[in-house]
Amino acid sequence: MRKFVTSLEKGMSKINEIAGFIAATLIVLLMVLTFANVTGRYFIWPIVGTHELTYLSLALIVFLSLGYVQSKKEHIAIGIFVDKCSKRTQAVLDAISYFVTFSLLFLMGWQMVVFAGRTSTTLTGDLHLPVSAFVYLCALGAFLYAMTAIVDFLKSLLKVVNPEHES
């Protein structure tokens, strides 16, 4: 079981790193686009579609980076009471938390896929980009986060069985 969890964790880590790199690249591109748009207002003309690209990129940045942040354990966590519990109790609480996280994110991703199907003919106003493509990519990010939560859930279960197990 430990080998399976370890290999699943390594695979998800690589996938999340790719998604995180894409999100980071989008941040840089968004920064360049915003600079060019603001500068263009004063010298030539603003860039058409900047508003659309900004809000679509921000959605992608958020959803594609969630799994990466979870895999690196960079979310904010306050453990005033949990830190005083035994390792086994902490592992049980972690397992419950990760399972709830997985459940909610899986449902969120599933509903995003359903929504993307309903909006398959919807295009943005200026650039006529298909909205559903961006919603599908956001759903992918939600599923990546959900899968990362499952990996953490399994690691927590291993800690429940063996509190001395560090993964």
N, C-alpha and C. Protein backbone atom coordinates (compact mmCIF):
# COMPACT_ATOMS: atom_id res chain seq x y z
N MET A 1 0.83 -1.20 0.00
CA MET A 1 0.00 0.00 0.00
C MET A 1 0.87 1.26 0.00
N ARG A 2 1.94 1.22 0.79
CA ARG A 2 2.82 2.39 0.86
C ARG A 2 3.47 2.68 -0.50
N LYS A 3 3.85 1.63 -1.21
CA LYS A 3 4.47 1.82 -2.52
C LYS A 3 3.47 2.45 -3.48
N PHE A 4 2.22 1.99 -3.42
CA PHE A 4 1.18 2.55 -4.28
C PHE A 4 0.97 4.03 -3.98
N VAL A 5 0.88 4.36 -2.71
CA VAL A 5 0.67 5.76 -2.31
C VAL A 5 1.87 6.61 -2.72
N THR A 6 3.06 6.08 -2.54
CA THR A 6 4.27 6.83 -2.90
C THR A 6 4.33 7.06 -4.41
N SER A 7 4.03 6.04 -5.19
CA SER A 7 4.07 6.22 -6.65
C SER A 7 2.96 7.16 -7.11
N LEU A 8 1.78 7.05 -6.50
CA LEU A 8 0.68 7.97 -6.83
C LEU A 8 1.05 9.41 -6.47
N GLU A 9 1.70 9.56 -5.33
CA GLU A 9 2.13 10.90 -4.91
C GLU A 9 3.16 11.48 -5.88
N LYS A 10 4.10 10.67 -6.32
CA LYS A 10 5.11 11.15 -7.27
C LYS A 10 4.47 11.54 -8.59
N GLY A 11 3.54 10.72 -9.08
CA GLY A 11 2.86 11.03 -10.33
C GLY A 11 2.04 12.31 -10.24
N MET A 12 1.28 12.44 -9.16
CA MET A 12 0.48 13.65 -8.97
C MET A 12 1.37 14.87 -8.78
N SER A 13 2.51 14.68 -8.15
CA SER A 13 3.43 15.80 -7.94
C SER A 13 3.95 16.32 -9.28
N LYS A 14 4.29 15.41 -10.18
CA LYS A 14 4.78 15.83 -11.50
C LYS A 14 3.68 16.54 -12.29
N ILE A 15 2.48 15.99 -12.26
CA ILE A 15 1.36 16.61 -12.97
C ILE A 15 1.07 17.99 -12.39
N ASN A 16 1.07 18.09 -11.06
CA ASN A 16 0.81 19.37 -10.41
C ASN A 16 1.92 20.39 -10.68
N GLU A 17 3.15 19.91 -10.82
CA GLU A 17 4.23 20.83 -11.17
C GLU A 17 4.02 21.41 -12.56
N ILE A 18 3.57 20.57 -13.50
CA ILE A 18 3.29 21.06 -14.85
C ILE A 18 2.16 22.09 -14.81
N ALA A 19 1.09 21.76 -14.08
CA ALA A 19 -0.03 22.70 -13.97
C ALA A 19 0.40 23.99 -13.28
N GLY A 20 1.23 23.87 -12.25
CA GLY A 20 1.75 25.06 -11.56
C GLY A 20 2.62 25.90 -12.47
N PHE A 21 3.41 25.24 -13.32
CA PHE A 21 4.25 25.97 -14.27
C PHE A 21 3.38 26.71 -15.28
N ILE A 22 2.33 26.08 -15.73
CA ILE A 22 1.40 26.73 -16.66
C ILE A 22 0.77 27.95 -15.99
N ALA A 23 0.35 27.80 -14.73
CA ALA A 23 -0.24 28.92 -14.00
C ALA A 23 0.77 30.06 -13.83
N ALA A 24 2.01 29.72 -13.51
CA ALA A 24 3.04 30.75 -13.35
C ALA A 24 3.32 31.45 -14.68
N THR A 25 3.33 30.69 -15.75
CA THR A 25 3.53 31.28 -17.07
C THR A 25 2.39 32.23 -17.42
N LEU A 26 1.17 31.81 -17.07
CA LEU A 26 0.01 32.68 -17.31
C LEU A 26 0.12 33.98 -16.52
N ILE A 27 0.67 33.92 -15.31
CA ILE A 27 0.85 35.14 -14.52
C ILE A 27 1.80 36.09 -15.22
N VAL A 28 2.90 35.55 -15.72
CA VAL A 28 3.88 36.39 -16.43
C VAL A 28 3.25 36.98 -17.70
N LEU A 29 2.55 36.14 -18.47
CA LEU A 29 1.92 36.63 -19.69
C LEU A 29 0.85 37.68 -19.39
N LEU A 30 0.12 37.46 -18.31
CA LEU A 30 -0.90 38.43 -17.90
C LEU A 30 -0.26 39.76 -17.50
N MET A 31 0.87 39.67 -16.83
CA MET A 31 1.58 40.89 -16.44
C MET A 31 2.05 41.65 -17.68
N VAL A 32 2.61 40.94 -18.66
CA VAL A 32 3.07 41.57 -19.89
C VAL A 32 1.90 42.16 -20.65
N LEU A 33 0.79 41.42 -20.73
CA LEU A 33 -0.39 41.91 -21.44
C LEU A 33 -0.95 43.17 -20.78
N THR A 34 -1.02 43.17 -19.46
CA THR A 34 -1.53 44.35 -18.75
C THR A 34 -0.62 45.55 -18.96
N PHE A 35 0.69 45.34 -18.88
CA PHE A 35 1.64 46.43 -19.12
C PHE A 35 1.49 46.98 -20.54
N ALA A 36 1.41 46.09 -21.51
CA ALA A 36 1.27 46.52 -22.90
C ALA A 36 -0.05 47.25 -23.13
N ASN A 37 -1.10 46.79 -22.48
CA ASN A 37 -2.40 47.44 -22.64
C ASN A 37 -2.39 48.84 -22.04
N VAL A 38 -1.88 48.97 -20.82
CA VAL A 38 -1.85 50.28 -20.17
C VAL A 38 -0.92 51.23 -20.93
N THR A 39 0.23 50.73 -21.34
CA THR A 39 1.16 51.55 -22.12
C THR A 39 0.54 51.94 -23.46
N GLY A 40 -0.14 51.00 -24.09
CA GLY A 40 -0.77 51.26 -25.38
C GLY A 40 -1.85 52.32 -25.32
N ARG A 41 -2.49 52.47 -24.19
CA ARG A 41 -3.52 53.50 -24.05
C ARG A 41 -2.95 54.90 -24.24
N TYR A 42 -1.71 55.08 -23.82
CA TYR A 42 -1.12 56.41 -23.86
C TYR A 42 -0.35 56.69 -25.16
N PHE A 43 0.09 55.65 -25.85
CA PHE A 43 0.92 55.89 -27.03
C PHE A 43 0.23 55.54 -28.34
N ILE A 44 -0.41 54.41 -28.41
CA ILE A 44 -1.01 53.98 -29.68
C ILE A 44 -2.50 53.72 -29.45
N TRP A 45 -2.84 52.52 -29.00
CA TRP A 45 -4.21 52.15 -28.70
C TRP A 45 -4.18 50.97 -27.73
N PRO A 46 -5.22 50.79 -26.94
CA PRO A 46 -5.27 49.65 -26.02
C PRO A 46 -5.42 48.34 -26.80
N ILE A 47 -5.07 47.26 -26.16
CA ILE A 47 -5.17 45.95 -26.80
C ILE A 47 -6.59 45.43 -26.64
N VAL A 48 -7.20 45.06 -27.74
CA VAL A 48 -8.57 44.55 -27.73
C VAL A 48 -8.59 43.18 -27.05
N GLY A 49 -9.55 42.99 -26.16
CA GLY A 49 -9.73 41.70 -25.50
C GLY A 49 -8.93 41.52 -24.22
N THR A 50 -8.25 42.56 -23.78
CA THR A 50 -7.44 42.43 -22.56
C THR A 50 -8.31 42.05 -21.36
N HIS A 51 -9.47 42.67 -21.26
CA HIS A 51 -10.37 42.36 -20.15
C HIS A 51 -10.76 40.89 -20.16
N GLU A 52 -11.12 40.36 -21.31
CA GLU A 52 -11.50 38.95 -21.42
C GLU A 52 -10.35 38.03 -21.06
N LEU A 53 -9.20 38.31 -21.63
CA LEU A 53 -8.03 37.47 -21.35
C LEU A 53 -7.64 37.53 -19.88
N THR A 54 -7.85 38.68 -19.25
CA THR A 54 -7.52 38.82 -17.84
C THR A 54 -8.41 37.94 -16.98
N TYR A 55 -9.73 38.03 -17.15
CA TYR A 55 -10.58 37.24 -16.25
C TYR A 55 -10.51 35.75 -16.57
N LEU A 56 -10.32 35.39 -17.81
CA LEU A 56 -10.18 33.97 -18.14
C LEU A 56 -8.86 33.42 -17.61
N SER A 57 -7.80 34.20 -17.73
CA SER A 57 -6.49 33.78 -17.23
C SER A 57 -6.49 33.67 -15.71
N LEU A 58 -7.15 34.59 -15.05
CA LEU A 58 -7.19 34.53 -13.58
C LEU A 58 -7.89 33.26 -13.09
N ALA A 59 -8.96 32.87 -13.77
CA ALA A 59 -9.64 31.63 -13.40
C ALA A 59 -8.70 30.44 -13.59
N LEU A 60 -7.99 30.41 -14.71
CA LEU A 60 -7.05 29.32 -14.95
C LEU A 60 -5.91 29.32 -13.94
N ILE A 61 -5.40 30.50 -13.62
CA ILE A 61 -4.31 30.60 -12.65
C ILE A 61 -4.74 30.01 -11.30
N VAL A 62 -5.92 30.37 -10.86
CA VAL A 62 -6.40 29.88 -9.56
C VAL A 62 -6.56 28.37 -9.58
N PHE A 63 -7.29 27.85 -10.56
CA PHE A 63 -7.60 26.43 -10.54
C PHE A 63 -6.40 25.55 -10.87
N LEU A 64 -5.52 25.99 -11.74
CA LEU A 64 -4.35 25.17 -12.08
C LEU A 64 -3.30 25.19 -10.97
N SER A 65 -3.32 26.18 -10.11
CA SER A 65 -2.32 26.25 -9.05
C SER A 65 -2.77 25.57 -7.76
N LEU A 66 -4.04 25.27 -7.61
CA LEU A 66 -4.53 24.69 -6.36
C LEU A 66 -3.89 23.35 -6.02
N GLY A 67 -3.82 22.45 -6.98
CA GLY A 67 -3.21 21.15 -6.73
C GLY A 67 -1.73 21.26 -6.39
N TYR A 68 -1.05 22.17 -7.08
CA TYR A 68 0.38 22.39 -6.80
C TYR A 68 0.58 22.89 -5.37
N VAL A 69 -0.22 23.85 -4.98
CA VAL A 69 -0.10 24.41 -3.63
C VAL A 69 -0.41 23.34 -2.58
N GLN A 70 -1.42 22.50 -2.84
CA GLN A 70 -1.75 21.43 -1.91
C GLN A 70 -0.62 20.41 -1.83
N SER A 71 -0.03 20.06 -2.97
CA SER A 71 1.04 19.06 -2.94
C SER A 71 2.27 19.57 -2.19
N LYS A 72 2.47 20.88 -2.18
CA LYS A 72 3.60 21.47 -1.44
C LYS A 72 3.22 21.84 -0.01
N LYS A 73 1.96 21.64 0.35
CA LYS A 73 1.44 21.97 1.69
C LYS A 73 1.67 23.44 2.03
N GLU A 74 1.33 24.31 1.08
CA GLU A 74 1.53 25.74 1.26
C GLU A 74 0.23 26.48 1.60
N HIS A 75 -0.85 25.75 1.82
CA HIS A 75 -2.09 26.41 2.23
C HIS A 75 -1.93 26.89 3.67
N ILE A 76 -2.70 27.87 4.02
CA ILE A 76 -2.68 28.37 5.39
C ILE A 76 -3.45 27.40 6.27
N ALA A 77 -2.86 27.02 7.37
CA ALA A 77 -3.51 26.12 8.31
C ALA A 77 -3.24 26.62 9.73
N ILE A 78 -4.27 26.60 10.54
CA ILE A 78 -4.15 27.02 11.93
C ILE A 78 -4.43 25.79 12.78
N GLY A 79 -3.46 25.41 13.56
CA GLY A 79 -3.59 24.18 14.32
C GLY A 79 -3.52 24.38 15.81
N ILE A 80 -4.22 25.37 16.34
CA ILE A 80 -4.14 25.66 17.76
C ILE A 80 -4.55 24.45 18.60
N PHE A 81 -5.68 23.83 18.24
CA PHE A 81 -6.18 22.70 19.02
C PHE A 81 -5.66 21.38 18.48
N VAL A 82 -5.55 21.25 17.18
CA VAL A 82 -5.13 20.00 16.58
C VAL A 82 -3.69 19.66 16.95
N ASP A 83 -2.83 20.66 17.07
CA ASP A 83 -1.43 20.40 17.41
C ASP A 83 -1.27 19.80 18.80
N LYS A 84 -2.27 19.95 19.66
CA LYS A 84 -2.19 19.41 21.01
C LYS A 84 -2.68 17.96 21.08
N CYS A 85 -3.24 17.48 19.98
CA CYS A 85 -3.75 16.10 19.93
C CYS A 85 -2.61 15.13 19.65
N SER A 86 -2.89 13.86 19.88
CA SER A 86 -1.90 12.82 19.56
C SER A 86 -1.73 12.73 18.05
N LYS A 87 -0.64 12.09 17.63
CA LYS A 87 -0.37 11.94 16.20
C LYS A 87 -1.49 11.17 15.51
N ARG A 88 -2.00 10.16 16.15
CA ARG A 88 -3.08 9.37 15.55
C ARG A 88 -4.34 10.22 15.39
N THR A 89 -4.69 11.00 16.40
CA THR A 89 -5.86 11.87 16.31
C THR A 89 -5.68 12.91 15.21
N GLN A 90 -4.48 13.47 15.12
CA GLN A 90 -4.20 14.42 14.05
C GLN A 90 -4.36 13.77 12.68
N ALA A 91 -3.89 12.52 12.57
CA ALA A 91 -4.01 11.81 11.31
C ALA A 91 -5.48 11.53 10.96
N VAL A 92 -6.29 11.19 11.97
CA VAL A 92 -7.72 10.97 11.73
C VAL A 92 -8.39 12.26 11.27
N LEU A 93 -8.10 13.36 11.96
CA LEU A 93 -8.67 14.65 11.56
C LEU A 93 -8.20 15.06 10.16
N ASP A 94 -6.93 14.81 9.85
CA ASP A 94 -6.43 15.09 8.52
C ASP A 94 -7.16 14.25 7.47
N ALA A 95 -7.35 12.97 7.78
CA ALA A 95 -8.04 12.08 6.84
C ALA A 95 -9.46 12.57 6.57
N ILE A 96 -10.16 12.96 7.62
CA ILE A 96 -11.52 13.48 7.45
C ILE A 96 -11.49 14.75 6.59
N SER A 97 -10.57 15.64 6.90
CA SER A 97 -10.46 16.90 6.17
C SER A 97 -10.15 16.65 4.69
N TYR A 98 -9.20 15.76 4.41
CA TYR A 98 -8.84 15.49 3.02
C TYR A 98 -9.97 14.80 2.27
N PHE A 99 -10.72 13.93 2.96
CA PHE A 99 -11.84 13.26 2.29
C PHE A 99 -12.94 14.26 1.94
N VAL A 100 -13.22 15.17 2.86
CA VAL A 100 -14.23 16.21 2.59
C VAL A 100 -13.75 17.10 1.45
N THR A 101 -12.47 17.47 1.48
CA THR A 101 -11.90 18.28 0.40
C THR A 101 -12.03 17.57 -0.94
N PHE A 102 -11.66 16.29 -0.97
CA PHE A 102 -11.79 15.52 -2.21
C PHE A 102 -13.23 15.51 -2.70
N SER A 103 -14.16 15.22 -1.79
CA SER A 103 -15.57 15.12 -2.18
C SER A 103 -16.08 16.42 -2.78
N LEU A 104 -15.80 17.52 -2.11
CA LEU A 104 -16.28 18.82 -2.59
C LEU A 104 -15.63 19.21 -3.92
N LEU A 105 -14.34 18.96 -4.05
CA LEU A 105 -13.66 19.33 -5.29
C LEU A 105 -14.04 18.42 -6.44
N PHE A 106 -14.29 17.16 -6.15
CA PHE A 106 -14.76 16.27 -7.21
C PHE A 106 -16.13 16.73 -7.71
N LEU A 107 -17.02 17.06 -6.78
CA LEU A 107 -18.34 17.57 -7.17
C LEU A 107 -18.22 18.89 -7.93
N MET A 108 -17.31 19.75 -7.48
CA MET A 108 -17.11 21.03 -8.16
C MET A 108 -16.61 20.79 -9.59
N GLY A 109 -15.63 19.92 -9.75
CA GLY A 109 -15.10 19.61 -11.07
C GLY A 109 -16.16 18.99 -11.97
N TRP A 110 -16.94 18.09 -11.42
CA TRP A 110 -18.01 17.45 -12.18
C TRP A 110 -19.04 18.49 -12.65
N GLN A 111 -19.43 19.39 -11.77
CA GLN A 111 -20.39 20.43 -12.15
C GLN A 111 -19.80 21.41 -13.15
N MET A 112 -18.48 21.63 -13.08
CA MET A 112 -17.84 22.47 -14.09
C MET A 112 -17.91 21.82 -15.47
N VAL A 113 -17.71 20.51 -15.50
CA VAL A 113 -17.80 19.79 -16.77
C VAL A 113 -19.23 19.87 -17.32
N VAL A 114 -20.21 19.71 -16.44
CA VAL A 114 -21.61 19.82 -16.87
C VAL A 114 -21.88 21.23 -17.39
N PHE A 115 -21.39 22.24 -16.66
CA PHE A 115 -21.59 23.63 -17.08
C PHE A 115 -20.90 23.90 -18.42
N ALA A 116 -19.70 23.38 -18.58
CA ALA A 116 -18.98 23.58 -19.85
C ALA A 116 -19.75 22.96 -21.01
N GLY A 117 -20.38 21.84 -20.77
CA GLY A 117 -21.20 21.23 -21.81
C GLY A 117 -22.39 22.10 -22.19
N ARG A 118 -22.98 22.74 -21.19
CA ARG A 118 -24.12 23.63 -21.47
C ARG A 118 -23.70 24.91 -22.17
N THR A 119 -22.47 25.33 -21.97
CA THR A 119 -22.01 26.59 -22.58
C THR A 119 -21.10 26.32 -23.77
N SER A 120 -21.27 25.19 -24.41
CA SER A 120 -20.35 24.82 -25.49
C SER A 120 -20.43 25.76 -26.69
N THR A 121 -21.52 26.48 -26.84
CA THR A 121 -21.64 27.41 -27.97
C THR A 121 -21.42 28.87 -27.57
N THR A 122 -21.14 29.10 -26.29
CA THR A 122 -20.95 30.47 -25.81
C THR A 122 -19.54 30.96 -26.13
N LEU A 123 -19.47 32.15 -26.67
CA LEU A 123 -18.18 32.77 -27.00
C LEU A 123 -18.03 34.07 -26.23
N THR A 124 -16.78 34.47 -26.00
CA THR A 124 -16.54 35.76 -25.35
C THR A 124 -16.89 36.88 -26.32
N GLY A 125 -17.08 38.08 -25.78
CA GLY A 125 -17.58 39.19 -26.59
C GLY A 125 -16.62 39.73 -27.63
N ASP A 126 -15.39 40.01 -27.26
CA ASP A 126 -14.46 40.67 -28.17
C ASP A 126 -13.66 39.68 -29.03
N LEU A 127 -13.09 38.68 -28.38
CA LEU A 127 -12.18 37.78 -29.08
C LEU A 127 -12.88 36.52 -29.61
N HIS A 128 -14.11 36.31 -29.23
CA HIS A 128 -14.89 35.15 -29.64
C HIS A 128 -14.20 33.83 -29.28
N LEU A 129 -13.68 33.78 -28.06
CA LEU A 129 -13.06 32.56 -27.55
C LEU A 129 -14.15 31.67 -26.95
N PRO A 130 -14.03 30.35 -27.10
CA PRO A 130 -15.03 29.45 -26.51
C PRO A 130 -14.88 29.40 -24.99
N VAL A 131 -15.93 29.79 -24.31
CA VAL A 131 -15.90 29.81 -22.84
C VAL A 131 -15.74 28.39 -22.29
N SER A 132 -16.34 27.42 -22.95
CA SER A 132 -16.30 26.05 -22.44
C SER A 132 -14.88 25.51 -22.35
N ALA A 133 -13.99 25.91 -23.23
CA ALA A 133 -12.60 25.44 -23.17
C ALA A 133 -11.95 25.86 -21.86
N PHE A 134 -12.21 27.09 -21.46
CA PHE A 134 -11.63 27.59 -20.21
C PHE A 134 -12.27 26.92 -19.00
N VAL A 135 -13.57 26.64 -19.09
CA VAL A 135 -14.25 25.96 -17.98
C VAL A 135 -13.73 24.52 -17.85
N TYR A 136 -13.50 23.86 -18.99
CA TYR A 136 -12.93 22.51 -18.94
C TYR A 136 -11.54 22.53 -18.29
N LEU A 137 -10.73 23.52 -18.60
CA LEU A 137 -9.40 23.61 -17.99
C LEU A 137 -9.49 23.89 -16.49
N CYS A 138 -10.46 24.70 -16.10
CA CYS A 138 -10.67 24.94 -14.67
C CYS A 138 -11.13 23.65 -13.98
N ALA A 139 -11.97 22.89 -14.65
CA ALA A 139 -12.42 21.60 -14.10
C ALA A 139 -11.23 20.65 -13.94
N LEU A 140 -10.32 20.67 -14.91
CA LEU A 140 -9.11 19.86 -14.80
C LEU A 140 -8.33 20.24 -13.54
N GLY A 141 -8.21 21.54 -13.30
CA GLY A 141 -7.52 21.99 -12.09
C GLY A 141 -8.21 21.52 -10.83
N ALA A 142 -9.55 21.55 -10.82
CA ALA A 142 -10.30 21.07 -9.65
C ALA A 142 -10.08 19.57 -9.45
N PHE A 143 -10.06 18.81 -10.55
CA PHE A 143 -9.82 17.37 -10.45
C PHE A 143 -8.39 17.07 -9.97
N LEU A 144 -7.42 17.87 -10.42
CA LEU A 144 -6.05 17.68 -9.95
C LEU A 144 -5.95 17.93 -8.45
N TYR A 145 -6.64 18.96 -7.99
CA TYR A 145 -6.66 19.24 -6.55
C TYR A 145 -7.34 18.09 -5.81
N ALA A 146 -8.44 17.59 -6.36
CA ALA A 146 -9.15 16.47 -5.73
C ALA A 146 -8.26 15.24 -5.65
N MET A 147 -7.52 14.95 -6.72
CA MET A 147 -6.64 13.79 -6.70
C MET A 147 -5.49 13.97 -5.70
N THR A 148 -5.01 15.19 -5.58
CA THR A 148 -3.97 15.46 -4.59
C THR A 148 -4.52 15.27 -3.18
N ALA A 149 -5.78 15.66 -2.98
CA ALA A 149 -6.42 15.45 -1.67
C ALA A 149 -6.58 13.96 -1.38
N ILE A 150 -6.86 13.15 -2.41
CA ILE A 150 -6.96 11.70 -2.21
C ILE A 150 -5.61 11.12 -1.80
N VAL A 151 -4.54 11.59 -2.43
CA VAL A 151 -3.20 11.13 -2.05
C VAL A 151 -2.94 11.48 -0.58
N ASP A 152 -3.27 12.69 -0.19
CA ASP A 152 -3.08 13.10 1.20
C ASP A 152 -3.99 12.31 2.14
N PHE A 153 -5.19 11.99 1.68
CA PHE A 153 -6.11 11.16 2.46
C PHE A 153 -5.49 9.78 2.71
N LEU A 154 -4.95 9.18 1.66
CA LEU A 154 -4.33 7.85 1.81
C LEU A 154 -3.11 7.92 2.73
N LYS A 155 -2.32 8.98 2.60
CA LYS A 155 -1.17 9.14 3.50
C LYS A 155 -1.62 9.29 4.95
N SER A 156 -2.73 10.00 5.15
CA SER A 156 -3.26 10.15 6.52
C SER A 156 -3.75 8.82 7.06
N LEU A 157 -4.38 8.01 6.21
CA LEU A 157 -4.82 6.68 6.66
C LEU A 157 -3.63 5.82 7.06
N LEU A 158 -2.54 5.93 6.31
CA LEU A 158 -1.34 5.20 6.69
C LEU A 158 -0.83 5.66 8.05
N LYS A 159 -0.94 6.95 8.33
CA LYS A 159 -0.52 7.47 9.64
C LYS A 159 -1.47 7.02 10.75
N VAL A 160 -2.76 6.84 10.42
CA VAL A 160 -3.70 6.35 11.43
C VAL A 160 -3.31 4.93 11.83
N VAL A 161 -2.96 4.12 10.85
CA VAL A 161 -2.55 2.73 11.13
C VAL A 161 -1.23 2.70 11.85
N ASN A 162 -0.29 3.54 11.42
CA ASN A 162 1.03 3.59 12.02
C ASN A 162 1.40 5.06 12.27
N PRO A 163 1.11 5.59 13.47
CA PRO A 163 1.35 7.01 13.76
C PRO A 163 2.80 7.44 13.59
N GLU A 164 3.73 6.52 13.62
CA GLU A 164 5.14 6.87 13.48
C GLU A 164 5.53 7.03 12.03
N HIS A 165 4.63 6.64 11.11
CA HIS A 165 4.92 6.71 9.68
C HIS A 165 4.94 8.16 9.22
N GLU A 166 6.06 8.58 8.68
CA GLU A 166 6.18 9.93 8.13
C GLU A 166 6.28 9.80 6.63
N SER A 167 5.39 10.53 5.90
CA SER A 167 5.45 10.47 4.44
C SER A 167 5.70 11.83 3.87
